[in-house]
Amino acid sequence: MDRELSQAIWVKSSLSGGNGGDCVEVARLSGARVGVRDSKDPSGPALVLTSGQWAAFTGWVRAGKAV
């Protein structure tokens, strides 16, 4: 898993504004999983979500339920 995360292609949302602020990066992983990490700490921990978990999370954010 660590190797897959270190070799993943990480991207920021186009909505992040590229200001270097508080951003998350995501990467498509094998098995329809999605990696999520803090852009300010690329060597730090990453979450690995199933496609269903990712869909639920992004739906929650779109609904304005993010803190």
Protein backbone atom coordinates (compact mmCIF):
# COMPACT_ATOMS: atom_id res chain seq x y z
CA MET A 1 0.00 0.00 0.00
CA ASP A 2 2.77 2.48 0.89
CA ARG A 3 4.39 1.95 -2.49
CA GLU A 4 1.10 2.48 -4.30
CA LEU A 5 0.51 5.74 -2.41
CA SER A 6 4.05 7.00 -3.02
CA GLN A 7 3.77 6.30 -6.76
CA ALA A 8 0.23 7.62 -7.14
CA ILE A 9 -0.54 10.70 -9.22
CA TRP A 10 -1.91 13.21 -6.73
CA VAL A 11 -4.07 16.12 -7.89
CA LYS A 12 -5.71 19.13 -6.25
CA SER A 13 -9.18 20.33 -7.07
CA SER A 14 -9.38 23.08 -9.67
CA LEU A 15 -11.55 24.86 -7.10
CA SER A 16 -8.69 25.05 -4.60
CA GLY A 17 -7.49 28.27 -6.19
CA GLY A 18 -3.86 27.19 -6.17
CA ASN A 19 -3.18 29.53 -3.26
CA GLY A 20 -1.08 27.01 -1.34
CA GLY A 21 -3.56 27.09 1.51
CA ASP A 22 -5.57 24.33 3.10
CA CYS A 23 -6.03 21.83 0.29
CA VAL A 24 -6.48 18.14 -0.06
CA GLU A 25 -5.08 16.04 -2.84
CA VAL A 26 -6.67 12.92 -4.24
CA ALA A 27 -5.33 10.01 -6.28
CA ARG A 28 -7.03 7.16 -8.07
CA LEU A 29 -5.77 3.85 -6.74
CA SER A 30 -6.20 0.25 -7.81
CA GLY A 31 -9.42 -1.52 -6.98
CA ALA A 32 -11.57 1.60 -7.52
CA ARG A 33 -10.16 3.17 -4.36
CA VAL A 34 -9.31 6.83 -3.79
CA GLY A 35 -6.39 8.18 -1.77
CA VAL A 36 -6.83 11.47 0.10
CA ARG A 37 -4.05 13.47 1.76
CA ASP A 38 -3.15 16.92 3.05
CA SER A 39 -1.31 18.87 0.35
CA LYS A 40 0.87 20.55 2.97
CA ASP A 41 2.14 17.19 4.23
CA PRO A 42 2.56 14.94 1.18
CA SER A 43 4.71 12.44 3.04
CA GLY A 44 2.25 12.28 5.94
CA PRO A 45 -0.70 9.95 6.37
CA ALA A 46 -3.29 9.36 3.67
CA LEU A 47 -6.82 8.04 3.83
CA VAL A 48 -7.78 5.27 1.44
CA LEU A 49 -11.48 5.21 0.63
CA THR A 50 -13.60 2.84 -1.39
CA SER A 51 -15.48 4.36 -4.31
CA GLY A 52 -18.67 4.24 -2.22
CA GLN A 53 -17.03 6.03 0.70
CA TRP A 54 -15.63 8.68 -1.67
CA ALA A 55 -19.08 9.21 -3.24
CA ALA A 56 -20.64 9.60 0.22
CA PHE A 57 -17.95 12.04 1.33
CA THR A 58 -18.15 14.23 -1.77
CA GLY A 59 -21.96 14.21 -1.56
CA TRP A 60 -21.72 15.35 2.04
CA VAL A 61 -19.39 18.20 1.06
CA ARG A 62 -21.58 19.26 -1.87
CA ALA A 63 -24.58 19.37 0.46
CA GLY A 64 -22.74 21.94 2.58
CA LYS A 65 -22.34 19.69 5.58
CA ALA A 66 -18.58 20.25 5.80
CA VAL A 67 -17.34 22.03 8.90
